[in-house]
PDB file of all heavy atoms in Angstrom:
ATOM      1  N   GLN A   1      18.949  12.990 -29.187  1.00  0.00           N
ATOM      2  CA  GLN A   1      18.111  13.413 -28.063  1.00  0.00           C
ATOM      3  C   GLN A   1      18.353  14.877 -27.722  1.00  0.00           C
ATOM      4  O   GLN A   1      17.417  15.606 -27.421  1.00  0.00           O
ATOM      5  CB  GLN A   1      18.377  12.538 -26.848  1.00  0.00           C
ATOM      6  CG  GLN A   1      17.855  11.140 -27.008  1.00  0.00           C
ATOM      7  CD  GLN A   1      18.274  10.244 -25.847  1.00  0.00           C
ATOM      8  OE1 GLN A   1      18.899  10.689 -24.886  1.00  0.00           O
ATOM      9  NE2 GLN A   1      17.927   8.982 -25.947  1.00  0.00           N
ATOM     10  N   PHE A   2      19.610  15.324 -27.749  1.00  0.00           N
ATOM     11  CA  PHE A   2      19.933  16.714 -27.466  1.00  0.00           C
ATOM     12  C   PHE A   2      19.269  17.633 -28.485  1.00  0.00           C
ATOM     13  O   PHE A   2      18.660  18.636 -28.129  1.00  0.00           O
ATOM     14  CB  PHE A   2      21.457  16.923 -27.488  1.00  0.00           C
ATOM     15  CG  PHE A   2      21.858  18.351 -27.276  1.00  0.00           C
ATOM     16  CD1 PHE A   2      21.947  18.878 -26.005  1.00  0.00           C
ATOM     17  CD2 PHE A   2      22.140  19.176 -28.359  1.00  0.00           C
ATOM     18  CE1 PHE A   2      22.317  20.206 -25.798  1.00  0.00           C
ATOM     19  CE2 PHE A   2      22.506  20.497 -28.167  1.00  0.00           C
ATOM     20  CZ  PHE A   2      22.598  21.004 -26.892  1.00  0.00           C
ATOM     21  N   MET A   3      19.397  17.277 -29.767  1.00  0.00           N
ATOM     22  CA  MET A   3      18.795  18.088 -30.826  1.00  0.00           C
ATOM     23  C   MET A   3      17.284  18.195 -30.624  1.00  0.00           C
ATOM     24  O   MET A   3      16.712  19.267 -30.726  1.00  0.00           O
ATOM     25  CB  MET A   3      19.084  17.461 -32.196  1.00  0.00           C
ATOM     26  CG  MET A   3      18.467  18.225 -33.351  1.00  0.00           C
ATOM     27  SD  MET A   3      18.735  17.435 -34.939  1.00  0.00           S
ATOM     28  CE  MET A   3      17.597  16.071 -34.846  1.00  0.00           C
ATOM     29  N   HIS A   4      16.658  17.089 -30.290  1.00  0.00           N
ATOM     30  CA  HIS A   4      15.218  17.084 -30.113  1.00  0.00           C
ATOM     31  C   HIS A   4      14.797  17.862 -28.871  1.00  0.00           C
ATOM     32  O   HIS A   4      13.880  18.672 -28.911  1.00  0.00           O
ATOM     33  CB  HIS A   4      14.712  15.648 -30.038  1.00  0.00           C
ATOM     34  CG  HIS A   4      13.235  15.543 -29.976  1.00  0.00           C
ATOM     35  ND1 HIS A   4      12.590  14.929 -28.950  1.00  0.00           N
ATOM     36  CD2 HIS A   4      12.268  16.002 -30.812  1.00  0.00           C
ATOM     37  CE1 HIS A   4      11.279  15.008 -29.150  1.00  0.00           C
ATOM     38  NE2 HIS A   4      11.062  15.644 -30.268  1.00  0.00           N
ATOM     39  N   ARG A   5      15.483  17.652 -27.791  1.00  0.00           N
ATOM     40  CA  ARG A   5      15.104  18.267 -26.515  1.00  0.00           C
ATOM     41  C   ARG A   5      15.329  19.775 -26.489  1.00  0.00           C
ATOM     42  O   ARG A   5      14.526  20.525 -25.943  1.00  0.00           O
ATOM     43  CB  ARG A   5      15.889  17.612 -25.382  1.00  0.00           C
ATOM     44  CG  ARG A   5      15.389  17.998 -24.006  1.00  0.00           C
ATOM     45  CD  ARG A   5      16.107  17.254 -22.890  1.00  0.00           C
ATOM     46  NE  ARG A   5      16.049  15.823 -23.079  1.00  0.00           N
ATOM     47  CZ  ARG A   5      17.093  15.005 -22.926  1.00  0.00           C
ATOM     48  NH1 ARG A   5      18.259  15.469 -22.573  1.00  0.00           N
ATOM     49  NH2 ARG A   5      16.968  13.717 -23.122  1.00  0.00           N
ATOM     50  N   PHE A   6      16.409  20.242 -27.085  1.00  0.00           N
ATOM     51  CA  PHE A   6      16.762  21.651 -26.954  1.00  0.00           C
ATOM     52  C   PHE A   6      16.529  22.500 -28.202  1.00  0.00           C
ATOM     53  O   PHE A   6      16.497  23.708 -28.116  1.00  0.00           O
ATOM     54  CB  PHE A   6      18.217  21.787 -26.505  1.00  0.00           C
ATOM     55  CG  PHE A   6      18.442  21.240 -25.132  1.00  0.00           C
ATOM     56  CD1 PHE A   6      19.082  20.033 -24.956  1.00  0.00           C
ATOM     57  CD2 PHE A   6      17.972  21.914 -24.017  1.00  0.00           C
ATOM     58  CE1 PHE A   6      19.280  19.511 -23.683  1.00  0.00           C
ATOM     59  CE2 PHE A   6      18.159  21.409 -22.742  1.00  0.00           C
ATOM     60  CZ  PHE A   6      18.815  20.202 -22.580  1.00  0.00           C
ATOM     61  N   ARG A   7      16.377  21.885 -29.342  1.00  0.00           N
ATOM     62  CA  ARG A   7      16.201  22.653 -30.574  1.00  0.00           C
ATOM     63  C   ARG A   7      14.811  22.509 -31.184  1.00  0.00           C
ATOM     64  O   ARG A   7      14.305  23.422 -31.800  1.00  0.00           O
ATOM     65  CB  ARG A   7      17.228  22.212 -31.624  1.00  0.00           C
ATOM     66  CG  ARG A   7      18.643  22.358 -31.177  1.00  0.00           C
ATOM     67  CD  ARG A   7      19.191  23.628 -31.655  1.00  0.00           C
ATOM     68  NE  ARG A   7      20.602  23.723 -31.260  1.00  0.00           N
ATOM     69  CZ  ARG A   7      21.267  24.804 -31.370  1.00  0.00           C
ATOM     70  NH1 ARG A   7      20.720  25.871 -31.855  1.00  0.00           N
ATOM     71  NH2 ARG A   7      22.519  24.846 -30.984  1.00  0.00           N
ATOM     72  N   LEU A   8      14.232  21.325 -31.051  1.00  0.00           N
ATOM     73  CA  LEU A   8      12.969  21.035 -31.740  1.00  0.00           C
ATOM     74  C   LEU A   8      11.943  20.458 -30.769  1.00  0.00           C
ATOM     75  O   LEU A   8      11.368  19.392 -31.003  1.00  0.00           O
ATOM     76  CB  LEU A   8      13.233  20.045 -32.894  1.00  0.00           C
ATOM     77  CG  LEU A   8      14.218  20.545 -33.943  1.00  0.00           C
ATOM     78  CD1 LEU A   8      14.687  19.403 -34.819  1.00  0.00           C
ATOM     79  CD2 LEU A   8      13.590  21.638 -34.780  1.00  0.00           C
ATOM     80  N   LYS A   9      11.689  21.146 -29.696  1.00  0.00           N
ATOM     81  CA  LYS A   9      10.807  20.661 -28.628  1.00  0.00           C
ATOM     82  C   LYS A   9       9.395  20.342 -29.114  1.00  0.00           C
ATOM     83  O   LYS A   9       8.787  19.380 -28.685  1.00  0.00           O
ATOM     84  CB  LYS A   9      10.706  21.678 -27.502  1.00  0.00           C
ATOM     85  CG  LYS A   9      11.944  21.868 -26.711  1.00  0.00           C
ATOM     86  CD  LYS A   9      11.704  22.913 -25.643  1.00  0.00           C
ATOM     87  CE  LYS A   9      13.001  23.304 -24.994  1.00  0.00           C
ATOM     88  NZ  LYS A   9      12.816  24.334 -23.988  1.00  0.00           N
ATOM     89  N   ARG A  10       8.877  21.158 -30.001  1.00  0.00           N
ATOM     90  CA  ARG A  10       7.483  20.992 -30.427  1.00  0.00           C
ATOM     91  C   ARG A  10       7.319  19.975 -31.553  1.00  0.00           C
ATOM     92  O   ARG A  10       6.226  19.696 -31.975  1.00  0.00           O
ATOM     93  CB  ARG A  10       6.893  22.334 -30.838  1.00  0.00           C
ATOM     94  CG  ARG A  10       6.741  23.271 -29.642  1.00  0.00           C
ATOM     95  CD  ARG A  10       6.259  24.596 -30.060  1.00  0.00           C
ATOM     96  NE  ARG A  10       7.436  25.319 -30.581  1.00  0.00           N
ATOM     97  CZ  ARG A  10       7.436  26.548 -30.985  1.00  0.00           C
ATOM     98  NH1 ARG A  10       6.329  27.236 -30.982  1.00  0.00           N
ATOM     99  NH2 ARG A  10       8.529  27.115 -31.417  1.00  0.00           N
ATOM    100  N   TRP A  11       8.417  19.439 -32.042  1.00  0.00           N
ATOM    101  CA  TRP A  11       8.378  18.450 -33.116  1.00  0.00           C
ATOM    102  C   TRP A  11       8.484  17.049 -32.534  1.00  0.00           C
ATOM    103  O   TRP A  11       9.079  16.834 -31.487  1.00  0.00           O
ATOM    104  CB  TRP A  11       9.551  18.669 -34.062  1.00  0.00           C
ATOM    105  CG  TRP A  11       9.442  19.907 -34.884  1.00  0.00           C
ATOM    106  CD1 TRP A  11       9.483  21.195 -34.437  1.00  0.00           C
ATOM    107  CD2 TRP A  11       9.269  19.980 -36.273  1.00  0.00           C
ATOM    108  NE1 TRP A  11       9.358  22.065 -35.484  1.00  0.00           N
ATOM    109  CE2 TRP A  11       9.227  21.339 -36.631  1.00  0.00           C
ATOM    110  CE3 TRP A  11       9.157  19.032 -37.279  1.00  0.00           C
ATOM    111  CZ2 TRP A  11       9.074  21.771 -37.932  1.00  0.00           C
ATOM    112  CZ3 TRP A  11       9.010  19.460 -38.577  1.00  0.00           C
ATOM    113  CH2 TRP A  11       8.960  20.808 -38.900  1.00  0.00           C
ATOM    114  N   LYS A  12       7.913  16.086 -33.226  1.00  0.00           N
ATOM    115  CA  LYS A  12       8.110  14.682 -32.882  1.00  0.00           C
ATOM    116  C   LYS A  12       9.079  14.112 -33.894  1.00  0.00           C
ATOM    117  O   LYS A  12       9.225  14.639 -34.998  1.00  0.00           O
ATOM    118  CB  LYS A  12       6.796  13.923 -32.918  1.00  0.00           C
ATOM    119  CG  LYS A  12       5.864  14.340 -31.810  1.00  0.00           C
ATOM    120  CD  LYS A  12       4.887  13.261 -31.522  1.00  0.00           C
ATOM    121  CE  LYS A  12       4.063  13.704 -30.323  1.00  0.00           C
ATOM    122  NZ  LYS A  12       3.541  12.594 -29.602  1.00  0.00           N
ATOM    123  N   LEU A  13       9.753  13.029 -33.523  1.00  0.00           N
ATOM    124  CA  LEU A  13      10.686  12.431 -34.463  1.00  0.00           C
ATOM    125  C   LEU A  13      10.739  10.923 -34.320  1.00  0.00           C
ATOM    126  O   LEU A  13      10.456  10.393 -33.254  1.00  0.00           O
ATOM    127  CB  LEU A  13      12.079  13.039 -34.334  1.00  0.00           C
ATOM    128  CG  LEU A  13      12.945  12.757 -33.112  1.00  0.00           C
ATOM    129  CD1 LEU A  13      13.706  11.467 -33.249  1.00  0.00           C
ATOM    130  CD2 LEU A  13      13.925  13.881 -32.927  1.00  0.00           C
ATOM    131  N   VAL A  14      11.115  10.275 -35.407  1.00  0.00           N
ATOM    132  CA  VAL A  14      11.446   8.855 -35.418  1.00  0.00           C
ATOM    133  C   VAL A  14      12.753   8.723 -36.189  1.00  0.00           C
ATOM    134  O   VAL A  14      13.052   9.522 -37.069  1.00  0.00           O
ATOM    135  CB  VAL A  14      10.353   7.970 -36.047  1.00  0.00           C
ATOM    136  CG1 VAL A  14       9.109   7.952 -35.209  1.00  0.00           C
ATOM    137  CG2 VAL A  14      10.047   8.371 -37.469  1.00  0.00           C
ATOM    138  N   SER A  15      13.528   7.710 -35.819  1.00  0.00           N
ATOM    139  CA  SER A  15      14.788   7.454 -36.515  1.00  0.00           C
ATOM    140  C   SER A  15      15.091   5.966 -36.428  1.00  0.00           C
ATOM    141  O   SER A  15      14.418   5.218 -35.730  1.00  0.00           O
ATOM    142  CB  SER A  15      15.923   8.254 -35.886  1.00  0.00           C
ATOM    143  OG  SER A  15      16.311   7.674 -34.664  1.00  0.00           O
ATOM    144  N   ASN A  16      16.135   5.567 -37.107  1.00  0.00           N
ATOM    145  CA  ASN A  16      16.574   4.176 -37.033  1.00  0.00           C
ATOM    146  C   ASN A  16      17.834   4.034 -36.170  1.00  0.00           C
ATOM    147  O   ASN A  16      18.612   3.113 -36.351  1.00  0.00           O
ATOM    148  CB  ASN A  16      16.795   3.617 -38.437  1.00  0.00           C
ATOM    149  CG  ASN A  16      17.958   4.268 -39.153  1.00  0.00           C
ATOM    150  OD1 ASN A  16      18.376   5.370 -38.814  1.00  0.00           O
ATOM    151  ND2 ASN A  16      18.476   3.588 -40.159  1.00  0.00           N
ATOM    152  N   VAL A  17      18.023   4.921 -35.210  1.00  0.00           N
ATOM    153  CA  VAL A  17      19.224   4.912 -34.370  1.00  0.00           C
ATOM    154  C   VAL A  17      19.347   3.616 -33.571  1.00  0.00           C
ATOM    155  O   VAL A  17      20.447   3.102 -33.395  1.00  0.00           O
ATOM    156  CB  VAL A  17      19.287   6.155 -33.450  1.00  0.00           C
ATOM    157  CG1 VAL A  17      18.255   6.106 -32.350  1.00  0.00           C
ATOM    158  CG2 VAL A  17      20.681   6.332 -32.877  1.00  0.00           C
ATOM    159  N   LYS A  18      18.260   3.030 -33.116  1.00  0.00           N
ATOM    160  CA  LYS A  18      18.341   1.805 -32.327  1.00  0.00           C
ATOM    161  C   LYS A  18      18.737   0.608 -33.175  1.00  0.00           C
ATOM    162  O   LYS A  18      19.401  -0.296 -32.697  1.00  0.00           O
ATOM    163  CB  LYS A  18      17.017   1.545 -31.620  1.00  0.00           C
ATOM    164  CG  LYS A  18      16.756   2.518 -30.502  1.00  0.00           C
ATOM    165  CD  LYS A  18      15.479   2.210 -29.778  1.00  0.00           C
ATOM    166  CE  LYS A  18      15.251   3.237 -28.687  1.00  0.00           C
ATOM    167  NZ  LYS A  18      13.977   3.049 -28.011  1.00  0.00           N
ATOM    168  N   ALA A  19      18.357   0.604 -34.425  1.00  0.00           N
ATOM    169  CA  ALA A  19      18.692  -0.510 -35.312  1.00  0.00           C
ATOM    170  C   ALA A  19      20.073  -0.365 -35.931  1.00  0.00           C
ATOM    171  O   ALA A  19      20.740  -1.353 -36.215  1.00  0.00           O
ATOM    172  CB  ALA A  19      17.650  -0.634 -36.417  1.00  0.00           C
ATOM    173  N   ALA A  20      20.508   0.862 -36.153  1.00  0.00           N
ATOM    174  CA  ALA A  20      21.743   1.087 -36.902  1.00  0.00           C
ATOM    175  C   ALA A  20      22.922   1.538 -36.046  1.00  0.00           C
ATOM    176  O   ALA A  20      24.043   1.560 -36.523  1.00  0.00           O
ATOM    177  CB  ALA A  20      21.487   2.130 -37.991  1.00  0.00           C
ATOM    178  N   GLY A  21      22.690   1.940 -34.792  1.00  0.00           N
ATOM    179  CA  GLY A  21      23.771   2.463 -33.963  1.00  0.00           C
ATOM    180  C   GLY A  21      23.937   3.970 -34.107  1.00  0.00           C
ATOM    181  O   GLY A  21      24.255   4.659 -33.160  1.00  0.00           O
ATOM    182  N   THR A  22      23.747   4.467 -35.316  1.00  0.00           N
ATOM    183  CA  THR A  22      23.687   5.901 -35.570  1.00  0.00           C
ATOM    184  C   THR A  22      22.446   6.158 -36.411  1.00  0.00           C
ATOM    185  O   THR A  22      22.013   5.290 -37.159  1.00  0.00           O
ATOM    186  CB  THR A  22      24.922   6.420 -36.333  1.00  0.00           C
ATOM    187  OG1 THR A  22      25.030   5.736 -37.580  1.00  0.00           O
ATOM    188  CG2 THR A  22      26.189   6.250 -35.525  1.00  0.00           C
ATOM    189  N   ALA A  23      21.889   7.338 -36.271  1.00  0.00           N
ATOM    190  CA  ALA A  23      20.658   7.660 -36.995  1.00  0.00           C
ATOM    191  C   ALA A  23      20.988   7.975 -38.448  1.00  0.00           C
ATOM    192  O   ALA A  23      21.525   9.034 -38.747  1.00  0.00           O
ATOM    193  CB  ALA A  23      19.949   8.836 -36.343  1.00  0.00           C
ATOM    194  N   LYS A  24      20.699   7.049 -39.319  1.00  0.00           N
ATOM    195  CA  LYS A  24      20.924   7.293 -40.748  1.00  0.00           C
ATOM    196  C   LYS A  24      19.709   7.939 -41.385  1.00  0.00           C
ATOM    197  O   LYS A  24      19.820   8.608 -42.393  1.00  0.00           O
ATOM    198  CB  LYS A  24      21.272   5.998 -41.442  1.00  0.00           C
ATOM    199  CG  LYS A  24      22.568   5.443 -40.890  1.00  0.00           C
ATOM    200  CD  LYS A  24      23.024   4.242 -41.613  1.00  0.00           C
ATOM    201  CE  LYS A  24      24.278   3.789 -40.895  1.00  0.00           C
ATOM    202  NZ  LYS A  24      25.166   3.030 -41.547  1.00  0.00           N
ATOM    203  N   ILE A  25      18.549   7.721 -40.789  1.00  0.00           N
ATOM    204  CA  ILE A  25      17.320   8.347 -41.267  1.00  0.00           C
ATOM    205  C   ILE A  25      16.594   8.955 -40.075  1.00  0.00           C
ATOM    206  O   ILE A  25      16.398   8.298 -39.064  1.00  0.00           O
ATOM    207  CB  ILE A  25      16.390   7.336 -41.953  1.00  0.00           C
ATOM    208  CG1 ILE A  25      17.084   6.719 -43.160  1.00  0.00           C
ATOM    209  CG2 ILE A  25      15.074   7.997 -42.355  1.00  0.00           C
ATOM    210  CD1 ILE A  25      16.323   5.573 -43.782  1.00  0.00           C
ATOM    211  N   VAL A  26      16.218  10.220 -40.190  1.00  0.00           N
ATOM    212  CA  VAL A  26      15.451  10.909 -39.155  1.00  0.00           C
ATOM    213  C   VAL A  26      14.267  11.579 -39.841  1.00  0.00           C
ATOM    214  O   VAL A  26      14.446  12.280 -40.830  1.00  0.00           O
ATOM    215  CB  VAL A  26      16.292  11.979 -38.418  1.00  0.00           C
ATOM    216  CG1 VAL A  26      15.463  12.696 -37.364  1.00  0.00           C
ATOM    217  CG2 VAL A  26      17.530  11.366 -37.801  1.00  0.00           C
ATOM    218  N   VAL A  27      13.072  11.333 -39.318  1.00  0.00           N
ATOM    219  CA  VAL A  27      11.875  11.995 -39.826  1.00  0.00           C
ATOM    220  C   VAL A  27      11.287  12.811 -38.684  1.00  0.00           C
ATOM    221  O   VAL A  27      11.058  12.288 -37.600  1.00  0.00           O
ATOM    222  CB  VAL A  27      10.834  10.984 -40.356  1.00  0.00           C
ATOM    223  CG1 VAL A  27       9.577  11.691 -40.824  1.00  0.00           C
ATOM    224  CG2 VAL A  27      11.431  10.135 -41.474  1.00  0.00           C
ATOM    225  N   LEU A  28      11.068  14.094 -38.932  1.00  0.00           N
ATOM    226  CA  LEU A  28      10.499  15.002 -37.934  1.00  0.00           C
ATOM    227  C   LEU A  28       9.184  15.549 -38.463  1.00  0.00           C
ATOM    228  O   LEU A  28       9.032  15.738 -39.669  1.00  0.00           O
ATOM    229  CB  LEU A  28      11.451  16.170 -37.679  1.00  0.00           C
ATOM    230  CG  LEU A  28      12.837  15.792 -37.211  1.00  0.00           C
ATOM    231  CD1 LEU A  28      13.841  16.193 -38.261  1.00  0.00           C
ATOM    232  CD2 LEU A  28      13.145  16.436 -35.906  1.00  0.00           C
ATOM    233  N   TRP A  29       8.232  15.811 -37.565  1.00  0.00           N
ATOM    234  CA  TRP A  29       6.951  16.375 -37.971  1.00  0.00           C
ATOM    235  C   TRP A  29       6.325  17.158 -36.839  1.00  0.00           C
ATOM    236  O   TRP A  29       6.670  16.976 -35.676  1.00  0.00           O
ATOM    237  CB  TRP A  29       6.005  15.287 -38.469  1.00  0.00           C
ATOM    238  CG  TRP A  29       5.513  14.371 -37.388  1.00  0.00           C
ATOM    239  CD1 TRP A  29       4.361  14.493 -36.660  1.00  0.00           C
ATOM    240  CD2 TRP A  29       6.155  13.197 -36.893  1.00  0.00           C
ATOM    241  NE1 TRP A  29       4.253  13.470 -35.753  1.00  0.00           N
ATOM    242  CE2 TRP A  29       5.344  12.661 -35.882  1.00  0.00           C
ATOM    243  CE3 TRP A  29       7.350  12.548 -37.199  1.00  0.00           C
ATOM    244  CZ2 TRP A  29       5.675  11.511 -35.193  1.00  0.00           C
ATOM    245  CZ3 TRP A  29       7.671  11.400 -36.503  1.00  0.00           C
ATOM    246  CH2 TRP A  29       6.842  10.901 -35.520  1.00  0.00           C
ATOM    247  N   THR A  30       5.432  18.063 -37.206  1.00  0.00           N
ATOM    248  CA  THR A  30       4.679  18.821 -36.208  1.00  0.00           C
ATOM    249  C   THR A  30       3.402  18.055 -35.896  1.00  0.00           C
ATOM    250  O   THR A  30       2.566  17.860 -36.772  1.00  0.00           O
ATOM    251  CB  THR A  30       4.337  20.231 -36.716  1.00  0.00           C
ATOM    252  OG1 THR A  30       3.656  20.122 -37.953  1.00  0.00           O
ATOM    253  CG2 THR A  30       5.573  21.085 -36.886  1.00  0.00           C
ATOM    254  N   PRO A  31       3.238  17.597 -34.675  1.00  0.00           N
ATOM    255  CA  PRO A  31       2.087  16.766 -34.327  1.00  0.00           C
ATOM    256  C   PRO A  31       0.746  17.488 -34.393  1.00  0.00           C
ATOM    257  O   PRO A  31      -0.294  16.848 -34.473  1.00  0.00           O
ATOM    258  CB  PRO A  31       2.393  16.285 -32.911  1.00  0.00           C
ATOM    259  CG  PRO A  31       3.373  17.259 -32.376  1.00  0.00           C
ATOM    260  CD  PRO A  31       4.142  17.789 -33.550  1.00  0.00           C
ATOM    261  N   SER A  32       0.761  18.801 -34.403  1.00  0.00           N
ATOM    262  CA  SER A  32      -0.499  19.536 -34.480  1.00  0.00           C
ATOM    263  C   SER A  32      -1.109  19.485 -35.887  1.00  0.00           C
ATOM    264  O   SER A  32      -2.310  19.675 -36.044  1.00  0.00           O
ATOM    265  CB  SER A  32      -0.288  20.993 -34.068  1.00  0.00           C
ATOM    266  OG  SER A  32       0.651  21.617 -34.921  1.00  0.00           O
ATOM    267  N   THR A  33      -0.300  19.193 -36.897  1.00  0.00           N
ATOM    268  CA  THR A  33      -0.815  19.168 -38.268  1.00  0.00           C
ATOM    269  C   THR A  33      -0.601  17.845 -38.990  1.00  0.00           C
ATOM    270  O   THR A  33      -1.234  17.598 -40.003  1.00  0.00           O
ATOM    271  CB  THR A  33      -0.152  20.275 -39.121  1.00  0.00           C
ATOM    272  OG1 THR A  33       1.262  20.102 -39.085  1.00  0.00           O
ATOM    273  CG2 THR A  33      -0.520  21.651 -38.611  1.00  0.00           C
ATOM    274  N   VAL A  34       0.295  16.987 -38.485  1.00  0.00           N
ATOM    275  CA  VAL A  34       0.627  15.746 -39.180  1.00  0.00           C
ATOM    276  C   VAL A  34       0.558  14.582 -38.203  1.00  0.00           C
ATOM    277  O   VAL A  34       0.982  14.693 -37.055  1.00  0.00           O
ATOM    278  CB  VAL A  34       2.052  15.829 -39.778  1.00  0.00           C
ATOM    279  CG1 VAL A  34       2.447  14.528 -40.428  1.00  0.00           C
ATOM    280  CG2 VAL A  34       2.157  16.976 -40.765  1.00  0.00           C
ATOM    281  N   HIS A  35       0.039  13.445 -38.686  1.00  0.00           N
ATOM    282  CA  HIS A  35       0.012  12.207 -37.898  1.00  0.00           C
ATOM    283  C   HIS A  35       0.900  11.192 -38.610  1.00  0.00           C
ATOM    284  O   HIS A  35       0.744  10.964 -39.803  1.00  0.00           O
ATOM    285  CB  HIS A  35      -1.409  11.668 -37.777  1.00  0.00           C
ATOM    286  CG  HIS A  35      -1.470  10.365 -37.064  1.00  0.00           C
ATOM    287  ND1 HIS A  35      -1.378  10.265 -35.702  1.00  0.00           N
ATOM    288  CD2 HIS A  35      -1.593   9.105 -37.530  1.00  0.00           C
ATOM    289  CE1 HIS A  35      -1.452   8.997 -35.365  1.00  0.00           C
ATOM    290  NE2 HIS A  35      -1.578   8.272 -36.466  1.00  0.00           N
ATOM    291  N   VAL A  36       1.853  10.584 -37.888  1.00  0.00           N
ATOM    292  CA  VAL A  36       2.775   9.632 -38.469  1.00  0.00           C
ATOM    293  C   VAL A  36       2.642   8.307 -37.729  1.00  0.00           C
ATOM    294  O   VAL A  36       2.637   8.277 -36.493  1.00  0.00           O
ATOM    295  CB  VAL A  36       4.235  10.136 -38.386  1.00  0.00           C
ATOM    296  CG1 VAL A  36       5.212   9.067 -38.825  1.00  0.00           C
ATOM    297  CG2 VAL A  36       4.404  11.390 -39.210  1.00  0.00           C
ATOM    298  N   ASP A  37       2.559   7.221 -38.475  1.00  0.00           N
ATOM    299  CA  ASP A  37       2.589   5.872 -37.917  1.00  0.00           C
ATOM    300  C   ASP A  37       3.839   5.171 -38.419  1.00  0.00           C
ATOM    301  O   ASP A  37       4.010   5.005 -39.634  1.00  0.00           O
ATOM    302  CB  ASP A  37       1.358   5.072 -38.349  1.00  0.00           C
ATOM    303  CG  ASP A  37       0.093   5.527 -37.665  1.00  0.00           C
ATOM    304  OD1 ASP A  37       0.157   5.893 -36.483  1.00  0.00           O
ATOM    305  OD2 ASP A  37      -0.962   5.513 -38.324  1.00  0.00           O
ATOM    306  N   LEU A  38       4.717   4.787 -37.524  1.00  0.00           N
ATOM    307  CA  LEU A  38       5.917   4.051 -37.896  1.00  0.00           C
ATOM    308  C   LEU A  38       5.545   2.591 -38.070  1.00  0.00           C
ATOM    309  O   LEU A  38       5.055   1.950 -37.149  1.00  0.00           O
ATOM    310  CB  LEU A  38       6.986   4.195 -36.807  1.00  0.00           C
ATOM    311  CG  LEU A  38       8.273   3.413 -37.034  1.00  0.00           C
ATOM    312  CD1 LEU A  38       8.982   3.923 -38.286  1.00  0.00           C
ATOM    313  CD2 LEU A  38       9.163   3.521 -35.824  1.00  0.00           C
ATOM    314  N   LEU A  39       5.759   2.069 -39.247  1.00  0.00           N
ATOM    315  CA  LEU A  39       5.430   0.680 -39.537  1.00  0.00           C
ATOM    316  C   LEU A  39       6.614  -0.249 -39.288  1.00  0.00           C
ATOM    317  O   LEU A  39       6.437  -1.357 -38.799  1.00  0.00           O
ATOM    318  CB  LEU A  39       4.964   0.525 -40.988  1.00  0.00           C
ATOM    319  CG  LEU A  39       3.729   1.341 -41.349  1.00  0.00           C
ATOM    320  CD1 LEU A  39       3.418   1.166 -42.829  1.00  0.00           C
ATOM    321  CD2 LEU A  39       2.538   0.947 -40.500  1.00  0.00           C
ATOM    322  N   ASP A  40       7.814   0.204 -39.605  1.00  0.00           N
ATOM    323  CA  ASP A  40       8.991  -0.633 -39.447  1.00  0.00           C
ATOM    324  C   ASP A  40      10.243   0.231 -39.587  1.00  0.00           C
ATOM    325  O   ASP A  40      10.179   1.316 -40.155  1.00  0.00           O
ATOM    326  CB  ASP A  40       9.008  -1.731 -40.515  1.00  0.00           C
ATOM    327  CG  ASP A  40       9.995  -2.842 -40.214  1.00  0.00           C
ATOM    328  OD1 ASP A  40      10.470  -2.943 -39.065  1.00  0.00           O
ATOM    329  OD2 ASP A  40      10.300  -3.611 -41.139  1.00  0.00           O
ATOM    330  N   PHE A  41      11.363  -0.245 -39.066  1.00  0.00           N
ATOM    331  CA  PHE A  41      12.629   0.433 -39.286  1.00  0.00           C
ATOM    332  C   PHE A  41      13.736  -0.601 -39.275  1.00  0.00           C
ATOM    333  O   PHE A  41      13.586  -1.679 -38.705  1.00  0.00           O
ATOM    334  CB  PHE A  41      12.885   1.553 -38.274  1.00  0.00           C
ATOM    335  CG  PHE A  41      13.074   1.091 -36.856  1.00  0.00           C
ATOM    336  CD1 PHE A  41      14.336   0.873 -36.351  1.00  0.00           C
ATOM    337  CD2 PHE A  41      11.986   0.878 -36.034  1.00  0.00           C
ATOM    338  CE1 PHE A  41      14.507   0.451 -35.048  1.00  0.00           C
ATOM    339  CE2 PHE A  41      12.153   0.477 -34.727  1.00  0.00           C
ATOM    340  CZ  PHE A  41      13.429   0.239 -34.234  1.00  0.00           C
ATOM    341  N   SER A  42      14.824  -0.285 -39.935  1.00  0.00           N
ATOM    342  CA  SER A  42      15.963  -1.195 -40.028  1.00  0.00           C
ATOM    343  C   SER A  42      17.227  -0.370 -40.265  1.00  0.00           C
ATOM    344  O   SER A  42      17.145   0.825 -40.536  1.00  0.00           O
ATOM    345  CB  SER A  42      15.741  -2.188 -41.173  1.00  0.00           C
ATOM    346  OG  SER A  42      15.755  -1.521 -42.411  1.00  0.00           O
ATOM    347  N   PRO A  43      18.378  -1.024 -40.165  1.00  0.00           N
ATOM    348  CA  PRO A  43      19.622  -0.276 -40.402  1.00  0.00           C
ATOM    349  C   PRO A  43      19.692   0.247 -41.818  1.00  0.00           C
ATOM    350  O   PRO A  43      20.232   1.233 -42.138  1.00  0.00           O
ATOM    351  CB  PRO A  43      20.735  -1.287 -40.169  1.00  0.00           C
ATOM    352  CG  PRO A  43      20.142  -2.430 -39.456  1.00  0.00           C
ATOM    353  CD  PRO A  43      18.679  -2.384 -39.738  1.00  0.00           C
TER     354      PRO A  43
END
């Protein structure tokens, strides 16, 4: 959350932090040019 809030404000992100306890996978994108749909996540 700190990285996203203070370093990458204009980017959106998804991760598996809720499923795994730590984020093992993080995907970031610029919403002005890319559309991402999260279908599923797991540890």
